[in-house]
Amino acid sequence: QVQLVESGGGLVQAGGSLRLSCAASGTFVRLDVMGWYRQAPGKRRELVADAISGSSTNYADSVKGRFTISRDNLKNTMFLQMNSLKPEDTAVYYCHGSFRSRDYWGQGTQVTVSA
């Protein structure tokens, strides 16, 4: 089993920054993939960024150059540094982990960007 807990969401003005954290725990050595997804009201959940165990990262076009994903594999934690935030970044952000072909999700953390 894998448990994922997010933290770091909140309210910020447009142009501001937030840093999300995800702590993973459970019976595993290292998650194969960790990533961030988000879901805005009335919209489908979408990939924001992910990081494969190692160094490969992938970003949605809408966040490239503004968001940075990072992992601390020793501590099984993941971060999302979000800069130059826009109102359209407002959503619930979910931590995702994949281990042995099974997917795990955190409970989500709200990010609200005011204009």
N, C-alpha and C. Protein backbone atom coordinates (compact mmCIF):
# COMPACT_ATOMS: atom_id res chain seq x y z
N GLN A 1 0.83 -1.19 0.00
CA GLN A 1 0.00 0.00 0.00
C GLN A 1 0.87 1.24 0.00
N VAL A 2 0.36 2.28 -0.63
CA VAL A 2 1.05 3.57 -0.70
C VAL A 2 0.09 4.65 -0.25
N GLN A 3 0.55 5.51 0.64
CA GLN A 3 -0.24 6.66 1.07
C GLN A 3 0.47 7.93 0.61
N LEU A 4 -0.30 8.85 0.09
CA LEU A 4 0.22 10.13 -0.39
C LEU A 4 -0.51 11.26 0.31
N VAL A 5 0.25 12.19 0.84
CA VAL A 5 -0.33 13.32 1.55
C VAL A 5 0.24 14.61 0.99
N GLU A 6 -0.65 15.47 0.49
CA GLU A 6 -0.21 16.76 -0.06
C GLU A 6 -0.30 17.85 1.00
N SER A 7 0.48 18.89 0.77
CA SER A 7 0.40 20.09 1.60
C SER A 7 0.91 21.27 0.78
N GLY A 8 0.58 22.48 1.23
CA GLY A 8 1.15 23.66 0.60
C GLY A 8 0.20 24.47 -0.25
N GLY A 9 -1.04 24.01 -0.41
CA GLY A 9 -1.97 24.80 -1.20
C GLY A 9 -2.40 26.06 -0.46
N GLY A 10 -3.17 26.90 -1.15
CA GLY A 10 -3.65 28.12 -0.51
C GLY A 10 -4.12 29.14 -1.52
N LEU A 11 -4.28 30.36 -1.04
CA LEU A 11 -4.74 31.47 -1.87
C LEU A 11 -3.57 32.40 -2.15
N VAL A 12 -3.41 32.76 -3.41
CA VAL A 12 -2.31 33.64 -3.80
C VAL A 12 -2.79 34.56 -4.91
N GLN A 13 -2.20 35.74 -5.00
CA GLN A 13 -2.54 36.65 -6.08
C GLN A 13 -1.83 36.25 -7.38
N ALA A 14 -2.41 36.64 -8.48
CA ALA A 14 -1.78 36.37 -9.77
C ALA A 14 -0.36 36.93 -9.78
N GLY A 15 0.56 36.12 -10.34
CA GLY A 15 1.96 36.50 -10.35
C GLY A 15 2.74 35.96 -9.17
N GLY A 16 2.03 35.45 -8.18
CA GLY A 16 2.69 34.94 -6.99
C GLY A 16 3.18 33.52 -7.15
N SER A 17 3.67 32.96 -6.04
CA SER A 17 4.24 31.62 -6.05
C SER A 17 3.70 30.78 -4.91
N LEU A 18 3.66 29.49 -5.13
CA LEU A 18 3.33 28.52 -4.10
C LEU A 18 4.20 27.29 -4.31
N ARG A 19 4.42 26.56 -3.23
CA ARG A 19 5.17 25.31 -3.32
C ARG A 19 4.35 24.20 -2.70
N LEU A 20 4.04 23.22 -3.50
CA LEU A 20 3.29 22.06 -3.02
C LEU A 20 4.27 20.94 -2.65
N SER A 21 3.90 20.18 -1.63
CA SER A 21 4.69 19.04 -1.21
C SER A 21 3.81 17.80 -1.18
N CYS A 22 4.42 16.67 -1.43
CA CYS A 22 3.73 15.38 -1.33
C CYS A 22 4.65 14.41 -0.63
N ALA A 23 4.16 13.85 0.46
CA ALA A 23 4.92 12.86 1.21
C ALA A 23 4.32 11.49 0.96
N ALA A 24 5.16 10.55 0.55
CA ALA A 24 4.72 9.19 0.27
C ALA A 24 5.19 8.26 1.37
N SER A 25 4.32 7.35 1.77
CA SER A 25 4.69 6.35 2.77
C SER A 25 4.02 5.04 2.42
N GLY A 26 4.56 3.96 2.98
CA GLY A 26 3.99 2.65 2.71
C GLY A 26 5.07 1.62 2.46
N THR A 27 4.63 0.49 1.92
CA THR A 27 5.54 -0.63 1.71
C THR A 27 6.10 -0.60 0.29
N PHE A 28 7.08 0.21 0.09
CA PHE A 28 7.76 0.31 -1.18
C PHE A 28 9.13 0.92 -0.93
N VAL A 29 10.01 0.76 -1.91
CA VAL A 29 11.33 1.36 -1.79
C VAL A 29 11.33 2.72 -2.48
N ARG A 30 10.82 2.72 -3.72
CA ARG A 30 10.78 3.96 -4.48
C ARG A 30 9.64 3.87 -5.48
N LEU A 31 8.84 4.91 -5.56
CA LEU A 31 7.75 4.93 -6.53
C LEU A 31 8.32 5.07 -7.93
N ASP A 32 7.71 4.35 -8.87
CA ASP A 32 8.20 4.39 -10.25
C ASP A 32 8.01 5.77 -10.86
N VAL A 33 6.84 6.32 -10.66
CA VAL A 33 6.51 7.64 -11.19
C VAL A 33 5.80 8.42 -10.11
N MET A 34 6.13 9.67 -9.97
CA MET A 34 5.38 10.57 -9.11
C MET A 34 5.02 11.79 -9.94
N GLY A 35 3.84 12.30 -9.70
CA GLY A 35 3.43 13.44 -10.49
C GLY A 35 2.34 14.25 -9.83
N TRP A 36 2.02 15.36 -10.45
CA TRP A 36 0.96 16.25 -9.99
C TRP A 36 -0.10 16.35 -11.08
N TYR A 37 -1.34 16.23 -10.66
CA TYR A 37 -2.48 16.46 -11.54
C TYR A 37 -3.32 17.57 -10.90
N ARG A 38 -4.19 18.15 -11.71
CA ARG A 38 -5.10 19.15 -11.15
C ARG A 38 -6.47 19.01 -11.81
N GLN A 39 -7.47 19.46 -11.06
CA GLN A 39 -8.84 19.42 -11.57
C GLN A 39 -9.55 20.69 -11.17
N ALA A 40 -9.94 21.46 -12.17
CA ALA A 40 -10.70 22.68 -11.95
C ALA A 40 -12.19 22.34 -11.99
N PRO A 41 -13.03 23.17 -11.39
CA PRO A 41 -14.48 22.90 -11.39
C PRO A 41 -15.02 22.73 -12.81
N GLY A 42 -15.74 21.66 -13.03
CA GLY A 42 -16.34 21.41 -14.33
C GLY A 42 -15.40 20.90 -15.39
N LYS A 43 -14.16 20.64 -15.00
CA LYS A 43 -13.17 20.17 -15.98
C LYS A 43 -12.62 18.81 -15.57
N ARG A 44 -12.00 18.15 -16.54
CA ARG A 44 -11.40 16.85 -16.27
C ARG A 44 -10.06 17.02 -15.55
N ARG A 45 -9.68 15.99 -14.81
CA ARG A 45 -8.38 16.01 -14.17
C ARG A 45 -7.30 15.94 -15.26
N GLU A 46 -6.26 16.76 -15.11
CA GLU A 46 -5.22 16.83 -16.12
C GLU A 46 -3.84 16.74 -15.49
N LEU A 47 -2.91 16.22 -16.25
CA LEU A 47 -1.53 16.13 -15.79
C LEU A 47 -0.92 17.52 -15.78
N VAL A 48 -0.24 17.83 -14.69
CA VAL A 48 0.52 19.08 -14.59
C VAL A 48 1.99 18.79 -14.88
N ALA A 49 2.54 17.82 -14.15
CA ALA A 49 3.94 17.45 -14.33
C ALA A 49 4.17 16.10 -13.68
N ASP A 50 5.12 15.35 -14.21
CA ASP A 50 5.50 14.13 -13.53
C ASP A 50 7.01 13.91 -13.65
N ALA A 51 7.48 13.02 -12.78
CA ALA A 51 8.91 12.74 -12.71
C ALA A 51 9.09 11.24 -12.55
N ILE A 52 9.75 10.64 -13.51
CA ILE A 52 10.03 9.21 -13.45
C ILE A 52 11.23 9.00 -12.53
N SER A 53 11.22 7.89 -11.80
CA SER A 53 12.33 7.58 -10.92
C SER A 53 13.62 7.67 -11.72
N GLY A 54 14.49 8.56 -11.28
CA GLY A 54 15.66 8.87 -12.08
C GLY A 54 15.72 10.36 -12.26
N SER A 55 15.58 10.84 -13.47
CA SER A 55 15.66 12.27 -13.66
C SER A 55 14.71 12.80 -14.72
N SER A 56 14.01 11.94 -15.43
CA SER A 56 13.14 12.40 -16.51
C SER A 56 11.91 13.10 -15.97
N THR A 57 11.60 14.26 -16.51
CA THR A 57 10.42 15.02 -16.11
C THR A 57 9.59 15.37 -17.34
N ASN A 58 8.32 15.64 -17.08
CA ASN A 58 7.39 15.96 -18.15
C ASN A 58 6.42 17.02 -17.65
N TYR A 59 6.13 18.02 -18.48
CA TYR A 59 5.27 19.12 -18.07
C TYR A 59 4.15 19.35 -19.08
N ALA A 60 3.02 19.77 -18.58
CA ALA A 60 1.96 20.25 -19.46
C ALA A 60 2.42 21.55 -20.11
N ASP A 61 2.03 21.78 -21.34
CA ASP A 61 2.45 22.99 -22.05
C ASP A 61 2.06 24.25 -21.29
N SER A 62 0.93 24.19 -20.62
CA SER A 62 0.40 25.38 -19.95
C SER A 62 1.24 25.82 -18.75
N VAL A 63 2.12 24.94 -18.25
CA VAL A 63 2.90 25.29 -17.06
C VAL A 63 4.40 25.33 -17.33
N LYS A 64 4.80 24.97 -18.53
CA LYS A 64 6.23 24.96 -18.85
C LYS A 64 6.84 26.35 -18.64
N GLY A 65 7.99 26.35 -18.00
CA GLY A 65 8.67 27.61 -17.73
C GLY A 65 8.20 28.31 -16.45
N ARG A 66 7.11 27.84 -15.87
CA ARG A 66 6.59 28.45 -14.64
C ARG A 66 6.63 27.48 -13.46
N PHE A 67 6.38 26.21 -13.72
CA PHE A 67 6.35 25.20 -12.65
C PHE A 67 7.59 24.31 -12.75
N THR A 68 8.04 23.85 -11.60
CA THR A 68 9.17 22.92 -11.55
C THR A 68 8.84 21.78 -10.59
N ILE A 69 8.95 20.56 -11.09
CA ILE A 69 8.73 19.38 -10.26
C ILE A 69 10.07 18.84 -9.81
N SER A 70 10.12 18.35 -8.58
CA SER A 70 11.34 17.74 -8.09
C SER A 70 10.99 16.62 -7.13
N ARG A 71 11.92 15.68 -6.99
CA ARG A 71 11.73 14.55 -6.10
C ARG A 71 12.94 14.41 -5.19
N ASP A 72 12.67 13.98 -3.97
CA ASP A 72 13.72 13.57 -3.05
C ASP A 72 13.48 12.08 -2.81
N ASN A 73 14.17 11.24 -3.56
CA ASN A 73 13.91 9.81 -3.50
C ASN A 73 14.30 9.19 -2.16
N LEU A 74 15.26 9.78 -1.47
CA LEU A 74 15.65 9.25 -0.16
C LEU A 74 14.54 9.45 0.86
N LYS A 75 13.82 10.55 0.73
CA LYS A 75 12.76 10.86 1.69
C LYS A 75 11.38 10.55 1.13
N ASN A 76 11.32 10.06 -0.11
CA ASN A 76 10.05 9.76 -0.76
C ASN A 76 9.11 10.96 -0.72
N THR A 77 9.63 12.08 -1.09
CA THR A 77 8.83 13.29 -1.16
C THR A 77 8.95 13.90 -2.56
N MET A 78 7.96 14.71 -2.89
CA MET A 78 7.92 15.36 -4.18
C MET A 78 7.44 16.78 -3.98
N PHE A 79 7.91 17.67 -4.83
CA PHE A 79 7.54 19.07 -4.69
C PHE A 79 7.11 19.63 -6.05
N LEU A 80 6.30 20.64 -6.00
CA LEU A 80 5.93 21.38 -7.20
C LEU A 80 6.09 22.86 -6.87
N GLN A 81 7.11 23.47 -7.43
CA GLN A 81 7.30 24.90 -7.26
C GLN A 81 6.53 25.60 -8.37
N MET A 82 5.58 26.44 -7.99
CA MET A 82 4.72 27.11 -8.95
C MET A 82 4.99 28.61 -8.88
N ASN A 83 5.49 29.15 -9.96
CA ASN A 83 5.78 30.58 -10.05
C ASN A 83 4.90 31.22 -11.11
N SER A 84 4.81 32.53 -11.07
CA SER A 84 4.02 33.29 -12.04
C SER A 84 2.62 32.70 -12.19
N LEU A 85 1.99 32.46 -11.07
CA LEU A 85 0.68 31.82 -11.09
C LEU A 85 -0.37 32.70 -11.75
N LYS A 86 -1.30 32.02 -12.42
CA LYS A 86 -2.37 32.70 -13.15
C LYS A 86 -3.71 32.23 -12.59
N PRO A 87 -4.75 33.02 -12.75
CA PRO A 87 -6.07 32.59 -12.28
C PRO A 87 -6.49 31.24 -12.87
N GLU A 88 -6.08 30.95 -14.07
CA GLU A 88 -6.44 29.68 -14.69
C GLU A 88 -5.71 28.49 -14.08
N ASP A 89 -4.77 28.73 -13.18
CA ASP A 89 -4.12 27.65 -12.45
C ASP A 89 -4.96 27.21 -11.25
N THR A 90 -6.03 27.92 -10.97
CA THR A 90 -6.90 27.57 -9.85
C THR A 90 -7.49 26.19 -10.04
N ALA A 91 -7.30 25.32 -9.06
CA ALA A 91 -7.77 23.94 -9.15
C ALA A 91 -7.42 23.21 -7.86
N VAL A 92 -7.95 22.01 -7.74
CA VAL A 92 -7.47 21.10 -6.71
C VAL A 92 -6.31 20.32 -7.31
N TYR A 93 -5.20 20.32 -6.62
CA TYR A 93 -3.99 19.65 -7.10
C TYR A 93 -3.83 18.33 -6.34
N TYR A 94 -3.62 17.27 -7.12
CA TYR A 94 -3.51 15.94 -6.56
C TYR A 94 -2.12 15.38 -6.80
N CYS A 95 -1.60 14.76 -5.78
CA CYS A 95 -0.35 14.02 -5.89
C CYS A 95 -0.68 12.62 -6.41
N HIS A 96 0.09 12.15 -7.34
CA HIS A 96 -0.10 10.82 -7.93
C HIS A 96 1.21 10.03 -7.84
N GLY A 97 1.06 8.76 -7.53
CA GLY A 97 2.21 7.88 -7.52
C GLY A 97 1.87 6.56 -8.20
N SER A 98 2.86 5.99 -8.83
CA SER A 98 2.68 4.70 -9.50
C SER A 98 3.74 3.74 -9.00
N PHE A 99 3.28 2.54 -8.62
CA PHE A 99 4.21 1.52 -8.11
C PHE A 99 3.71 0.17 -8.55
N ARG A 100 4.56 -0.55 -9.27
CA ARG A 100 4.21 -1.89 -9.77
C ARG A 100 2.86 -1.86 -10.50
N SER A 101 2.72 -0.88 -11.38
CA SER A 101 1.55 -0.75 -12.26
C SER A 101 0.26 -0.40 -11.53
N ARG A 102 0.34 0.00 -10.29
CA ARG A 102 -0.85 0.45 -9.55
C ARG A 102 -0.73 1.96 -9.31
N ASP A 103 -1.86 2.62 -9.38
CA ASP A 103 -1.91 4.06 -9.20
C ASP A 103 -2.43 4.41 -7.82
N TYR A 104 -1.85 5.44 -7.25
CA TYR A 104 -2.24 5.93 -5.94
C TYR A 104 -2.41 7.45 -6.00
N TRP A 105 -3.37 7.94 -5.21
CA TRP A 105 -3.69 9.37 -5.22
C TRP A 105 -3.74 9.93 -3.81
N GLY A 106 -3.34 11.19 -3.70
CA GLY A 106 -3.53 11.91 -2.46
C GLY A 106 -4.94 12.47 -2.39
N GLN A 107 -5.23 13.15 -1.31
CA GLN A 107 -6.58 13.66 -1.10
C GLN A 107 -6.81 14.99 -1.82
N GLY A 108 -5.77 15.63 -2.26
CA GLY A 108 -5.88 16.88 -2.99
C GLY A 108 -5.68 18.09 -2.10
N THR A 109 -5.15 19.15 -2.69
CA THR A 109 -4.98 20.42 -1.97
C THR A 109 -5.42 21.55 -2.91
N GLN A 110 -6.19 22.47 -2.35
CA GLN A 110 -6.77 23.55 -3.16
C GLN A 110 -5.75 24.65 -3.40
N VAL A 111 -5.64 25.05 -4.66
CA VAL A 111 -4.84 26.21 -5.03
C VAL A 111 -5.79 27.21 -5.69
N THR A 112 -5.83 28.41 -5.15
CA THR A 112 -6.69 29.46 -5.69
C THR A 112 -5.84 30.67 -6.02
N VAL A 113 -5.93 31.12 -7.26
CA VAL A 113 -5.16 32.28 -7.71
C VAL A 113 -6.14 33.39 -8.04
N SER A 114 -6.04 34.48 -7.33
CA SER A 114 -6.95 35.60 -7.56
C SER A 114 -6.36 36.57 -8.58
N ALA A 115 -7.25 37.20 -9.33
CA ALA A 115 -6.80 38.12 -10.39
C ALA A 115 -6.31 39.44 -9.81
